[in-house]
N, C-alpha and C. Protein backbone atom coordinates (compact mmCIF):
# COMPACT_ATOMS: atom_id res chain seq x y z
N UNK A 1 -48.55 -58.90 1.15
CA UNK A 1 -47.38 -58.34 1.29
C UNK A 1 -46.53 -58.13 2.71
N UNK A 2 -45.68 -58.31 2.63
CA UNK A 2 -45.12 -57.88 3.39
C UNK A 2 -43.84 -57.51 3.41
N UNK A 3 -43.11 -56.66 4.50
CA UNK A 3 -42.18 -55.95 4.68
C UNK A 3 -41.71 -54.64 3.62
N UNK A 4 -43.33 -53.92 3.44
CA UNK A 4 -43.70 -53.30 2.82
C UNK A 4 -44.09 -51.74 3.99
N UNK A 5 -43.88 -50.47 3.56
CA UNK A 5 -44.13 -49.83 4.45
C UNK A 5 -45.84 -49.53 3.76
N UNK A 6 -47.26 -49.22 5.15
CA UNK A 6 -47.78 -49.33 4.81
C UNK A 6 -48.58 -48.53 6.47
N UNK A 7 -49.84 -48.76 6.20
CA UNK A 7 -51.10 -48.79 7.39
C UNK A 7 -51.67 -50.38 7.26
N UNK A 8 -51.57 -50.26 9.22
CA UNK A 8 -52.35 -51.39 9.51
C UNK A 8 -53.46 -50.70 10.80
N UNK A 9 -54.04 -51.69 10.79
CA UNK A 9 -55.53 -51.42 11.84
C UNK A 9 -55.86 -52.92 12.11
N UNK A 10 -56.52 -53.31 13.53
CA UNK A 10 -56.95 -54.78 13.48
C UNK A 10 -58.23 -54.49 13.02
N UNK A 11 -58.49 -55.95 12.58
CA UNK A 11 -59.83 -56.16 12.18
C UNK A 11 -60.94 -55.95 12.93
N UNK A 12 -61.07 -56.75 14.05
CA UNK A 12 -61.97 -56.50 14.93
C UNK A 12 -61.76 -55.62 15.91
N UNK A 13 -62.55 -54.68 16.38
CA UNK A 13 -63.11 -53.71 17.38
C UNK A 13 -64.29 -53.24 17.86
N UNK A 14 -64.02 -53.36 19.16
CA UNK A 14 -65.85 -52.74 19.60
C UNK A 14 -65.61 -51.23 20.00
N UNK A 15 -64.44 -50.79 19.69
CA UNK A 15 -64.16 -49.29 19.86
C UNK A 15 -64.13 -48.32 18.50
N UNK A 16 -63.29 -47.66 18.60
CA UNK A 16 -62.95 -46.74 17.25
C UNK A 16 -62.65 -47.21 16.60
N UNK A 17 -62.19 -47.59 15.44
CA UNK A 17 -61.07 -47.99 14.90
C UNK A 17 -59.28 -46.98 14.67
N UNK A 18 -58.35 -47.73 14.61
CA UNK A 18 -57.37 -47.18 15.43
C UNK A 18 -56.22 -46.98 13.81
N UNK A 19 -56.06 -46.85 12.91
CA UNK A 19 -55.19 -46.92 11.89
C UNK A 19 -53.69 -46.58 12.43
N UNK A 20 -52.99 -47.32 12.01
CA UNK A 20 -51.53 -47.08 12.97
C UNK A 20 -50.49 -47.51 11.25
N UNK A 21 -49.22 -46.49 11.38
CA UNK A 21 -48.21 -46.96 10.48
C UNK A 21 -47.71 -48.01 10.80
N UNK A 22 -47.43 -48.73 9.80
CA UNK A 22 -46.05 -49.85 9.59
C UNK A 22 -45.36 -49.60 8.65
N UNK A 23 -44.12 -49.86 9.42
CA UNK A 23 -42.63 -50.12 8.86
C UNK A 23 -42.35 -50.98 8.01
N UNK A 24 -41.88 -51.16 7.19
CA UNK A 24 -41.15 -51.81 6.22
C UNK A 24 -40.63 -53.06 6.82
N UNK A 25 -40.57 -53.37 8.10
CA UNK A 25 -39.90 -54.75 9.01
C UNK A 25 -40.79 -55.46 9.63
N UNK A 26 -42.17 -54.72 9.49
CA UNK A 26 -43.24 -56.25 9.87
C UNK A 26 -43.95 -57.20 8.57
N UNK A 27 -44.62 -57.86 9.11
CA UNK A 27 -45.83 -58.35 8.71
C UNK A 27 -46.56 -58.93 9.36
N UNK A 28 -47.64 -58.77 7.96
CA UNK A 28 -48.95 -58.35 8.60
C UNK A 28 -49.62 -60.06 8.67
N UNK A 29 -50.77 -60.09 10.24
CA UNK A 29 -51.60 -61.42 9.69
C UNK A 29 -52.50 -61.40 9.72
N UNK A 30 -53.24 -62.63 9.92
CA UNK A 30 -55.17 -62.49 9.97
C UNK A 30 -55.62 -61.62 10.95
N UNK A 31 -55.39 -61.25 11.41
CA UNK A 31 -56.39 -60.33 12.64
C UNK A 31 -56.02 -58.97 12.24
N UNK A 32 -55.37 -58.53 11.06
CA UNK A 32 -55.34 -57.28 10.91
C UNK A 32 -55.88 -57.13 9.51
N UNK A 33 -55.23 -55.90 9.02
CA UNK A 33 -55.33 -55.69 8.00
C UNK A 33 -54.79 -54.47 7.50
N UNK A 34 -54.29 -54.40 6.08
CA UNK A 34 -52.75 -53.56 5.95
C UNK A 34 -52.93 -52.94 4.20
N UNK A 35 -52.88 -52.15 4.16
CA UNK A 35 -53.53 -50.80 3.58
C UNK A 35 -51.89 -50.44 2.78
N UNK A 36 -51.46 -51.14 1.50
CA UNK A 36 -50.60 -50.84 1.27
C UNK A 36 -50.94 -49.56 0.04
N UNK A 37 -50.17 -48.36 -0.22
CA UNK A 37 -50.77 -47.90 -0.72
C UNK A 37 -50.04 -48.28 -2.78
N UNK A 38 -50.71 -47.87 -3.43
CA UNK A 38 -50.60 -48.66 -4.77
C UNK A 38 -49.70 -47.66 -5.81
N UNK A 39 -48.60 -46.59 -5.07
CA UNK A 39 -47.59 -46.16 -5.84
C UNK A 39 -45.97 -46.32 -4.95
N UNK A 40 -46.75 -46.67 -3.67
CA UNK A 40 -45.61 -46.94 -2.70
C UNK A 40 -45.21 -46.40 -1.85
N UNK A 41 -45.12 -44.75 -2.55
CA UNK A 41 -45.03 -43.69 -1.43
C UNK A 41 -45.41 -43.06 -0.38
N UNK A 42 -44.84 -43.12 0.25
CA UNK A 42 -44.65 -43.16 1.94
C UNK A 42 -45.30 -41.56 2.74
N UNK A 43 -45.52 -40.73 1.67
CA UNK A 43 -46.24 -39.78 1.84
C UNK A 43 -47.55 -40.35 1.68
N UNK A 44 -48.54 -41.06 0.81
CA UNK A 44 -49.20 -41.12 0.53
C UNK A 44 -49.97 -42.18 1.36
N UNK A 45 -49.22 -43.37 2.09
CA UNK A 45 -49.52 -44.19 3.20
C UNK A 45 -49.86 -42.85 5.01
N UNK A 46 -48.87 -41.84 4.76
CA UNK A 46 -49.39 -40.96 6.10
C UNK A 46 -50.66 -40.43 5.88
N UNK A 47 -50.87 -39.99 4.18
CA UNK A 47 -52.35 -39.26 4.16
C UNK A 47 -53.21 -40.34 4.45
N UNK A 48 -53.20 -41.07 3.73
CA UNK A 48 -54.30 -42.11 3.83
C UNK A 48 -54.62 -42.48 5.21
N UNK A 49 -53.67 -42.47 6.54
CA UNK A 49 -53.45 -42.80 8.07
C UNK A 49 -54.26 -41.70 8.51
N UNK A 50 -53.32 -40.28 7.91
CA UNK A 50 -54.49 -39.00 8.52
C UNK A 50 -55.96 -39.04 8.63
N UNK A 51 -56.33 -39.44 6.79
CA UNK A 51 -57.63 -39.38 6.62
C UNK A 51 -58.16 -40.46 7.26
N UNK A 52 -57.86 -41.17 7.53
CA UNK A 52 -58.52 -42.78 7.97
C UNK A 52 -59.35 -42.39 9.34
N UNK A 53 -58.21 -41.46 10.13
CA UNK A 53 -57.82 -41.68 11.77
C UNK A 53 -59.12 -39.95 11.97
N UNK A 54 -59.44 -39.36 10.64
CA UNK A 54 -60.15 -38.21 11.53
C UNK A 54 -61.41 -38.69 11.57
N UNK A 55 -61.85 -37.44 12.10
CA UNK A 55 -63.36 -37.51 12.98
C UNK A 55 -64.05 -37.65 11.15
N UNK A 56 -63.99 -37.67 10.57
CA UNK A 56 -64.81 -37.54 9.11
C UNK A 56 -64.66 -39.02 8.39
N UNK A 57 -63.46 -39.60 8.80
CA UNK A 57 -63.12 -40.81 8.19
C UNK A 57 -63.58 -42.10 8.99
N UNK A 58 -63.73 -42.05 10.45
CA UNK A 58 -64.22 -42.78 11.32
C UNK A 58 -65.79 -42.86 11.33
N UNK A 59 -66.48 -41.56 10.48
CA UNK A 59 -68.29 -41.38 11.08
C UNK A 59 -68.03 -41.86 9.44
N UNK A 60 -67.63 -42.14 8.41
CA UNK A 60 -67.94 -42.97 6.90
C UNK A 60 -67.67 -44.19 7.34
N UNK A 61 -66.93 -44.37 7.79
CA UNK A 61 -66.53 -45.77 8.41
C UNK A 61 -67.58 -46.51 8.88
N UNK A 62 -67.98 -45.83 10.24
CA UNK A 62 -68.90 -46.51 10.69
C UNK A 62 -70.15 -46.35 9.79
N UNK A 63 -70.86 -45.81 9.21
CA UNK A 63 -72.06 -45.57 8.19
C UNK A 63 -71.71 -46.88 7.06
N UNK A 64 -70.22 -47.09 6.51
CA UNK A 64 -70.43 -47.97 5.55
C UNK A 64 -70.63 -49.33 6.32
N UNK A 65 -69.82 -49.38 7.36
CA UNK A 65 -70.27 -50.84 8.46
C UNK A 65 -70.75 -50.53 9.62
N UNK A 66 -71.00 -50.81 10.16
CA UNK A 66 -71.23 -50.55 11.91
C UNK A 66 -71.45 -51.65 12.56
N UNK A 67 -70.74 -52.63 12.06
CA UNK A 67 -70.36 -53.60 12.85
C UNK A 67 -68.93 -53.52 13.73
N UNK A 68 -68.45 -54.90 14.41
CA UNK A 68 -67.11 -55.22 14.86
C UNK A 68 -66.38 -55.17 13.79
N UNK A 69 -66.31 -56.17 13.10
CA UNK A 69 -65.67 -56.20 12.13
C UNK A 69 -65.53 -55.32 10.76
N UNK A 70 -64.42 -54.80 10.40
CA UNK A 70 -63.99 -53.92 9.76
C UNK A 70 -62.93 -54.77 8.54
N UNK A 71 -63.43 -55.18 7.59
CA UNK A 71 -62.78 -55.54 6.06
C UNK A 71 -62.47 -55.00 5.20
N UNK A 72 -61.49 -55.08 4.35
CA UNK A 72 -60.73 -54.60 3.49
C UNK A 72 -61.55 -53.69 2.08
N UNK A 73 -62.57 -54.40 2.40
CA UNK A 73 -63.52 -53.80 1.11
C UNK A 73 -64.47 -52.57 1.71
N UNK A 74 -64.43 -52.49 2.87
CA UNK A 74 -65.11 -51.62 4.12
C UNK A 74 -64.26 -49.63 3.47
N UNK A 75 -62.55 -50.34 3.56
CA UNK A 75 -61.58 -49.17 3.41
C UNK A 75 -61.86 -49.04 2.32
N UNK A 76 -62.36 -49.56 1.08
CA UNK A 76 -61.89 -49.43 -0.55
C UNK A 76 -63.27 -48.35 -0.52
N UNK A 77 -64.35 -48.20 0.21
CA UNK A 77 -65.48 -47.95 -0.38
C UNK A 77 -65.33 -46.15 0.40
N UNK A 78 -64.56 -45.91 1.07
CA UNK A 78 -64.08 -44.72 1.81
C UNK A 78 -63.27 -43.33 1.03
N UNK A 79 -63.88 -42.64 0.38
CA UNK A 79 -64.13 -42.12 -0.92
C UNK A 79 -63.10 -40.49 -0.14
N UNK A 80 -61.91 -41.09 -0.83
CA UNK A 80 -60.75 -39.93 0.25
C UNK A 80 -60.02 -38.94 -0.87
N UNK A 81 -60.57 -37.54 -0.64
CA UNK A 81 -60.64 -36.25 -1.35
C UNK A 81 -58.51 -36.09 -1.94
N UNK A 82 -58.13 -36.11 -2.10
CA UNK A 82 -56.58 -35.26 -2.98
C UNK A 82 -56.54 -34.18 -2.83
N UNK A 83 -56.42 -33.45 -1.41
CA UNK A 83 -56.24 -32.17 -1.70
C UNK A 83 -54.71 -32.32 -0.01
N UNK A 84 -54.54 -31.11 -0.41
CA UNK A 84 -53.15 -30.93 0.46
C UNK A 84 -52.84 -32.50 1.40
N UNK A 85 -52.63 -33.02 0.24
CA UNK A 85 -51.72 -34.74 0.91
C UNK A 85 -50.25 -34.23 1.91
N UNK A 86 -49.45 -33.53 0.72
CA UNK A 86 -48.34 -33.11 1.89
C UNK A 86 -48.19 -32.63 3.11
N UNK A 87 -49.67 -31.77 3.21
CA UNK A 87 -49.68 -31.52 4.34
C UNK A 87 -49.85 -31.98 5.58
N UNK A 88 -51.44 -32.73 4.62
CA UNK A 88 -51.75 -33.58 6.14
C UNK A 88 -50.70 -35.39 6.42
N UNK A 89 -49.96 -35.28 5.14
CA UNK A 89 -48.42 -36.05 5.60
C UNK A 89 -47.54 -35.40 6.38
N UNK A 90 -46.83 -34.42 6.47
CA UNK A 90 -46.34 -33.68 7.33
C UNK A 90 -47.20 -33.80 8.93
N UNK A 91 -48.28 -33.95 9.02
CA UNK A 91 -49.06 -33.44 10.63
C UNK A 91 -48.77 -34.65 10.81
N UNK A 92 -49.35 -36.17 10.32
CA UNK A 92 -49.19 -37.56 10.37
C UNK A 92 -48.19 -37.54 10.41
N UNK A 93 -47.06 -37.04 10.33
CA UNK A 93 -45.31 -37.71 10.58
C UNK A 93 -45.09 -37.18 11.98
N UNK A 94 -45.58 -35.92 12.04
CA UNK A 94 -44.72 -34.92 13.41
C UNK A 94 -45.87 -36.19 14.41
N UNK A 95 -46.74 -36.57 13.86
CA UNK A 95 -47.57 -37.37 15.24
C UNK A 95 -47.57 -38.85 15.58
N UNK A 96 -46.75 -39.13 14.48
CA UNK A 96 -46.18 -40.43 14.85
C UNK A 96 -44.87 -39.99 15.75
N UNK A 97 -44.29 -39.23 15.28
CA UNK A 97 -42.27 -39.05 15.82
C UNK A 97 -42.93 -38.17 17.29
N UNK A 98 -43.82 -38.08 17.67
CA UNK A 98 -44.51 -37.28 19.37
C UNK A 98 -44.70 -38.72 19.79
N UNK A 99 -45.83 -40.02 18.97
CA UNK A 99 -46.33 -40.69 19.64
C UNK A 99 -44.27 -42.13 19.93
N UNK A 100 -43.97 -42.10 18.86
CA UNK A 100 -42.44 -42.79 19.26
C UNK A 100 -42.15 -42.43 20.46
N UNK A 101 -41.52 -41.25 20.48
CA UNK A 101 -40.81 -40.48 21.92
C UNK A 101 -41.50 -40.85 23.20
N UNK A 102 -42.85 -40.97 22.92
CA UNK A 102 -43.41 -40.79 24.06
C UNK A 102 -43.41 -42.11 24.27
N UNK A 103 -43.86 -43.09 23.63
CA UNK A 103 -43.34 -44.97 24.13
C UNK A 103 -42.50 -45.16 24.08
N UNK A 104 -40.94 -44.49 23.71
CA UNK A 104 -39.78 -45.02 23.81
C UNK A 104 -39.42 -44.25 25.44
N UNK A 105 -39.70 -43.42 26.26
CA UNK A 105 -40.32 -43.46 27.51
C UNK A 105 -40.10 -44.22 28.47
N UNK A 106 -40.54 -45.25 28.09
CA UNK A 106 -41.61 -46.37 29.05
C UNK A 106 -40.50 -47.82 28.86
N UNK A 107 -40.28 -48.33 29.82
CA UNK A 107 -39.26 -49.29 29.75
C UNK A 107 -39.62 -50.35 29.49
N UNK A 108 -40.94 -50.34 28.74
CA UNK A 108 -41.46 -51.87 27.75
C UNK A 108 -41.14 -51.46 26.18
N UNK A 109 -40.67 -50.13 26.26
CA UNK A 109 -40.27 -49.72 24.54
C UNK A 109 -38.98 -50.87 24.31
N UNK A 110 -38.92 -51.33 23.02
CA UNK A 110 -37.85 -51.89 22.58
C UNK A 110 -36.52 -50.70 22.45
N UNK A 111 -36.79 -49.58 22.35
CA UNK A 111 -36.09 -48.83 21.94
C UNK A 111 -35.90 -47.92 23.37
N UNK A 112 -35.99 -48.14 24.16
CA UNK A 112 -36.21 -47.41 25.55
C UNK A 112 -34.33 -47.30 26.08
N UNK A 113 -33.98 -46.64 26.51
CA UNK A 113 -32.68 -45.53 26.70
C UNK A 113 -32.68 -45.46 28.19
N UNK A 114 -33.38 -44.49 28.49
CA UNK A 114 -33.11 -44.10 29.70
C UNK A 114 -34.80 -43.28 30.05
N UNK A 115 -34.65 -43.18 31.51
CA UNK A 115 -35.95 -42.53 31.78
C UNK A 115 -35.87 -41.19 31.10
N UNK A 116 -37.32 -40.25 31.00
CA UNK A 116 -36.78 -38.69 30.61
C UNK A 116 -36.36 -37.86 31.80
N UNK A 117 -37.33 -38.44 32.96
CA UNK A 117 -36.62 -37.32 34.30
C UNK A 117 -35.24 -37.64 34.80
N UNK A 118 -34.85 -38.34 34.17
CA UNK A 118 -32.91 -38.83 34.40
C UNK A 118 -32.05 -37.47 33.69
């Protein structure tokens, strides 16, 4: 599935897993896993990303699969409570926007316009 909003992560990592938001202008490839919510709701994507990036999500993922390779079945095995989804999604969206503003202040960003100190 391509060109859908979702959550992506590297399939192989020796450090902590990192779940990132994937915009609908992206294409997944074999070195990544992509998570697309069944309902297609962007709030659900933010919620999933926030929960999986949390300390508890990382801890459970390490229990489910303590290896370097993370496969989709490992992600499916993580229980996600359905509480405060809107609140978690709002916090995740704020963090995404902060990270994008920070990244866009570097000349290597495609959306770089000017240095923030100018």
